[in-house]
Amino acid sequence: MAEATEIHYTPNHWSLLQRLRDEALEMIRPLYRRHIQALAYGSIARGDVKPTSDIDIILPTPPAPSIIETLIEAETTITHREIIQATPNYAAKAYIHTAEDRSYSFPLVPLRSHERDFYSFAGSVDHPQLAEGIRVPGVTKNLTLVTPTPQGHTETPVTGHEGTTAKALGIGVTAVLDRVRTLRRRKKIGRTGVYIQRTLHPHESFGGVYQQLSRRRPPLRRRQRE
C-alpha cells in the first residue's frame, strides 16, 4: 500500500474529539438501554473531526419507528423528520433531526449487505466502543483511508489500493469499488440531489408517509417486496 502520512493530534483536537464522542454517547444511550443497536459513523468514529463535524447515528436493524421516536423525545427535542431515498436502488431511510447537525437515521426496509457495508466503509462505533475511547479505520469523502494511531491517525489513498483498503475495513472489495465510483462521480459532477426527500408534518407517521410514497414510486414497492 502507498506510504502513509502521519497526523499528530493537538490537545485542542483531542478535546474536541472527546466532546463530540461524549455527545454521541448521550444520543445513543436511550437506545442502548433498550438493546437497540445504534452506531455513530464517520469522522467521530475515526477521530479526524472538525468543529463543524456532524453527529450521525444509524440504527441498522430498528424496531418500529414509533418506539424510536418515543425514546428520542424522552431525552431531547425533535426539530424535524424526513424520509430520504438517495437513489431508486437504495433503501429509503427515516431521519430524525434534533439539531441542524445532529440526527438519527434508520432504514424503512432491510438493508442489503453492501448498504450495511457503507457504515464500515466510513467507520462506525457502538456505545461500548465510544465509552472505551475506541476508534476505528474508515474512509473520508476524499477517498483517504484514516487509520487511528495513539498519536492521532495515518492517512493513505484508497485509489489504486482498493483491495488492501477492503481488508483493513473488513468488508468486501466490491463495496469499496462501489463507494469509490459514487464518490468520484460526486466529485466530478457535484451532488445531484436525491431521488426522494419528503419532510413529515407533525401529525404524520413514517409508516403512513412511506406507504403513500410507495403507491406512486415503483422502486419503493420493489424494495418492499424483497
Protein backbone atom coordinates (compact mmCIF):
# COMPACT_ATOMS: atom_id res chain seq x y z
CA MET A 1 0.00 0.00 0.00
CA ALA A 2 1.11 3.62 -0.52
CA GLU A 3 3.21 5.23 2.17
CA ALA A 4 1.07 6.59 4.99
CA THR A 5 1.10 10.21 6.14
CA GLU A 6 1.27 10.61 9.92
CA ILE A 7 -1.10 13.09 11.56
CA HIS A 8 -0.50 14.00 15.21
CA TYR A 9 -3.43 15.49 17.12
CA THR A 10 -3.07 18.67 19.15
CA PRO A 11 -4.50 18.94 22.69
CA ASN A 12 -7.36 21.00 21.21
CA HIS A 13 -8.13 18.26 18.71
CA TRP A 14 -8.23 15.59 21.43
CA SER A 15 -10.53 17.84 23.49
CA LEU A 16 -12.90 18.38 20.55
CA LEU A 17 -12.95 14.67 19.75
CA GLN A 18 -13.79 13.80 23.35
CA ARG A 19 -16.57 16.39 23.50
CA LEU A 20 -18.19 15.12 20.31
CA ARG A 21 -17.91 11.48 21.38
CA ASP A 22 -19.44 12.32 24.77
CA GLU A 23 -22.35 13.93 22.95
CA ALA A 24 -22.73 10.88 20.69
CA LEU A 25 -22.80 8.69 23.81
CA GLU A 26 -25.69 10.74 25.17
CA MET A 27 -27.55 10.40 21.87
CA ILE A 28 -27.10 6.62 21.76
CA ARG A 29 -27.67 5.90 25.46
CA PRO A 30 -31.52 5.67 25.46
CA LEU A 31 -31.36 3.22 22.55
CA TYR A 32 -28.54 1.19 24.09
CA ARG A 33 -30.54 0.81 27.30
CA ARG A 34 -33.30 -0.82 25.26
CA HIS A 35 -30.82 -3.12 23.49
CA ILE A 36 -31.33 -1.33 20.15
CA GLN A 37 -28.19 -1.35 18.02
CA ALA A 38 -27.06 2.19 17.21
CA LEU A 39 -23.79 3.31 15.63
CA ALA A 40 -22.03 6.65 15.34
CA TYR A 41 -20.27 6.79 11.99
CA GLY A 42 -17.86 8.98 10.07
CA SER A 43 -15.14 11.20 11.49
CA ILE A 44 -16.35 10.76 15.06
CA ALA A 45 -15.61 7.03 14.75
CA ARG A 46 -12.24 7.55 13.04
CA GLY A 47 -11.03 10.57 15.00
CA ASP A 48 -10.44 13.12 12.21
CA VAL A 49 -13.10 15.51 13.49
CA LYS A 50 -13.52 19.23 12.86
CA PRO A 51 -15.50 21.86 14.80
CA THR A 52 -18.16 21.57 12.06
CA SER A 53 -18.43 17.76 12.26
CA ASP A 54 -21.93 16.31 12.32
CA ILE A 55 -23.02 13.58 14.69
CA ASP A 56 -24.93 10.97 12.74
CA ILE A 57 -26.42 7.92 14.45
CA ILE A 58 -27.58 4.94 12.34
CA LEU A 59 -29.88 2.16 13.57
CA PRO A 60 -29.21 -0.67 11.07
CA THR A 61 -32.00 -3.01 12.25
CA PRO A 62 -34.54 -0.78 14.00
CA PRO A 63 -37.75 -1.60 15.85
CA ALA A 64 -40.96 0.24 14.97
CA PRO A 65 -40.36 3.95 14.21
CA SER A 66 -42.80 4.96 16.95
CA ILE A 67 -40.60 3.26 19.56
CA ILE A 68 -37.52 5.12 18.33
CA GLU A 69 -39.32 8.46 18.32
CA THR A 70 -40.63 7.92 21.86
CA LEU A 71 -37.15 7.10 23.18
CA ILE A 72 -35.58 10.12 21.50
CA GLU A 73 -38.35 12.53 22.54
CA ALA A 74 -37.89 11.46 26.17
CA GLU A 75 -34.32 12.81 26.05
CA THR A 76 -34.39 15.78 23.66
CA THR A 77 -36.46 17.83 21.23
CA ILE A 78 -37.05 16.62 17.68
CA THR A 79 -36.72 19.54 15.25
CA HIS A 80 -37.98 17.75 12.14
CA ARG A 81 -38.37 14.36 10.47
CA GLU A 82 -37.97 13.27 6.88
CA ILE A 83 -37.78 10.30 4.53
CA ILE A 84 -34.85 10.22 2.11
CA GLN A 85 -34.09 7.76 -0.66
CA ALA A 86 -30.74 8.62 -2.22
CA THR A 87 -31.30 6.72 -5.48
CA PRO A 88 -34.05 4.41 -6.78
CA ASN A 89 -31.87 1.39 -5.98
CA TYR A 90 -31.07 2.26 -2.38
CA ALA A 91 -33.14 1.71 0.72
CA ALA A 92 -35.32 4.61 1.83
CA LYS A 93 -34.35 5.87 5.28
CA ALA A 94 -36.13 7.77 8.01
CA TYR A 95 -34.27 10.73 9.52
CA ILE A 96 -34.98 12.26 12.91
CA HIS A 97 -33.17 15.56 13.44
CA THR A 98 -32.54 17.01 16.89
CA ALA A 99 -30.38 19.90 15.61
CA GLU A 100 -29.06 21.12 12.29
CA ASP A 101 -26.03 18.82 12.55
CA ARG A 102 -27.38 16.08 14.84
CA SER A 103 -29.54 13.25 13.52
CA TYR A 104 -30.69 9.67 13.83
CA SER A 105 -31.46 7.57 10.77
CA PHE A 106 -32.79 4.09 10.12
CA PRO A 107 -33.84 2.11 7.05
CA LEU A 108 -37.54 1.63 6.31
CA VAL A 109 -36.76 -1.68 4.57
CA PRO A 110 -33.99 -4.20 5.40
CA LEU A 111 -30.57 -3.06 4.23
CA ARG A 112 -28.73 -5.06 1.60
CA SER A 113 -25.26 -6.22 2.58
CA HIS A 114 -23.46 -3.56 0.52
CA GLU A 115 -25.68 -0.88 2.08
CA ARG A 116 -24.65 -2.03 5.54
CA ASP A 117 -21.03 -2.04 4.40
CA PHE A 118 -21.25 1.71 3.81
CA TYR A 119 -21.06 2.32 7.56
CA SER A 120 -17.98 0.12 7.90
CA PHE A 121 -16.50 1.93 4.90
CA ALA A 122 -16.90 5.30 6.65
CA GLY A 123 -16.03 3.85 10.07
CA SER A 124 -18.61 3.20 12.78
CA VAL A 125 -18.59 2.61 16.54
CA ASP A 126 -21.21 1.47 19.02
CA HIS A 127 -21.94 2.60 22.60
CA PRO A 128 -19.27 0.44 24.34
CA GLN A 129 -16.61 1.49 21.82
CA LEU A 130 -17.45 5.16 22.33
CA ALA A 131 -17.34 4.72 26.10
CA GLU A 132 -13.95 2.99 25.93
CA GLY A 133 -12.43 5.56 23.57
CA ILE A 134 -12.01 3.07 20.73
CA ARG A 135 -11.52 4.49 17.25
CA VAL A 136 -11.71 2.51 14.02
CA PRO A 137 -10.39 2.90 10.47
CA GLY A 138 -12.62 4.37 7.80
CA VAL A 139 -12.58 6.29 4.54
CA THR A 140 -13.23 10.01 4.11
CA LYS A 141 -15.25 11.63 1.32
CA ASN A 142 -11.91 12.49 -0.29
CA LEU A 143 -11.12 8.76 -0.59
CA THR A 144 -8.47 8.74 2.10
CA LEU A 145 -8.19 5.78 4.46
CA VAL A 146 -7.84 7.08 8.03
CA THR A 147 -6.25 4.59 10.43
CA PRO A 148 -6.15 5.56 14.13
CA THR A 149 -2.83 5.62 15.99
CA PRO A 150 -2.03 6.50 19.62
CA GLN A 151 -0.78 9.93 18.48
CA GLY A 152 -3.62 10.63 16.02
CA HIS A 153 -4.01 8.81 12.71
CA THR A 154 -2.37 7.90 9.43
CA GLU A 155 -3.75 8.77 6.00
CA THR A 156 -3.34 6.62 2.88
CA PRO A 157 -5.01 6.95 -0.53
CA VAL A 158 -7.71 4.46 -1.41
CA THR A 159 -7.46 4.84 -5.20
CA GLY A 160 -5.31 2.06 -6.59
CA HIS A 161 -5.37 0.23 -3.24
CA GLU A 162 -8.99 -0.84 -3.05
CA GLY A 163 -8.17 -4.44 -2.11
CA THR A 164 -5.97 -3.58 0.86
CA THR A 165 -8.49 -0.93 1.92
CA ALA A 166 -11.26 -3.55 1.94
CA LYS A 167 -9.08 -5.83 4.05
CA ALA A 168 -8.31 -3.04 6.53
CA LEU A 169 -12.05 -2.28 6.88
CA GLY A 170 -13.18 -5.91 7.00
CA ILE A 171 -15.59 -5.54 4.07
CA GLY A 172 -15.78 -6.86 0.51
CA VAL A 173 -13.76 -5.19 -2.22
CA THR A 174 -17.00 -4.79 -4.24
CA ALA A 175 -18.34 -2.47 -1.55
CA VAL A 176 -15.16 -0.39 -1.69
CA LEU A 177 -15.24 -0.18 -5.50
CA ASP A 178 -18.91 0.82 -5.46
CA ARG A 179 -18.30 3.59 -2.95
CA VAL A 180 -15.23 4.82 -4.82
CA ARG A 181 -17.29 5.10 -8.01
CA THR A 182 -20.01 7.03 -6.18
CA LEU A 183 -17.61 9.50 -4.57
CA ARG A 184 -15.64 10.03 -7.78
CA ARG A 185 -18.84 10.75 -9.68
CA ARG A 186 -19.99 13.16 -6.98
CA LYS A 187 -16.65 14.97 -7.09
CA LYS A 188 -16.80 15.22 -10.90
CA ILE A 189 -20.38 16.40 -11.40
CA GLY A 190 -21.35 17.52 -7.92
CA ARG A 191 -24.15 16.33 -5.69
CA THR A 192 -27.18 15.97 -7.95
CA GLY A 193 -29.84 15.71 -5.27
CA VAL A 194 -31.71 12.69 -4.03
CA TYR A 195 -34.46 10.55 -5.54
CA ILE A 196 -36.89 11.23 -2.68
CA GLN A 197 -36.76 13.77 0.14
CA ARG A 198 -40.05 14.21 1.97
CA THR A 199 -40.39 16.20 5.19
CA LEU A 200 -43.07 14.86 7.55
CA HIS A 201 -45.69 17.07 9.14
CA PRO A 202 -46.07 16.73 12.93
CA HIS A 203 -49.23 14.59 12.63
CA GLU A 204 -47.74 12.20 10.04
CA SER A 205 -46.04 8.87 10.74
CA PHE A 206 -43.09 7.34 8.92
CA GLY A 207 -45.11 4.25 8.05
CA GLY A 208 -48.04 6.21 6.69
CA VAL A 209 -45.94 8.51 4.54
CA TYR A 210 -43.83 5.61 3.27
CA GLN A 211 -46.97 3.81 2.12
CA GLN A 212 -48.18 6.96 0.34
CA LEU A 213 -44.85 7.32 -1.43
CA SER A 214 -44.67 3.65 -2.40
CA ARG A 215 -48.02 3.87 -4.17
CA ARG A 216 -46.52 6.49 -6.52
CA ARG A 217 -42.93 5.25 -6.73
CA PRO A 218 -42.37 1.72 -8.18
CA PRO A 219 -38.78 1.45 -6.80
CA LEU A 220 -40.17 1.74 -3.28
CA ARG A 221 -42.70 -1.01 -3.95
CA ARG A 222 -39.99 -3.28 -5.34
CA ARG A 223 -37.86 -2.89 -2.21
CA GLN A 224 -40.88 -3.63 -0.04
CA ARG A 225 -41.44 -6.92 -1.84
CA GLU A 226 -37.87 -8.14 -1.37
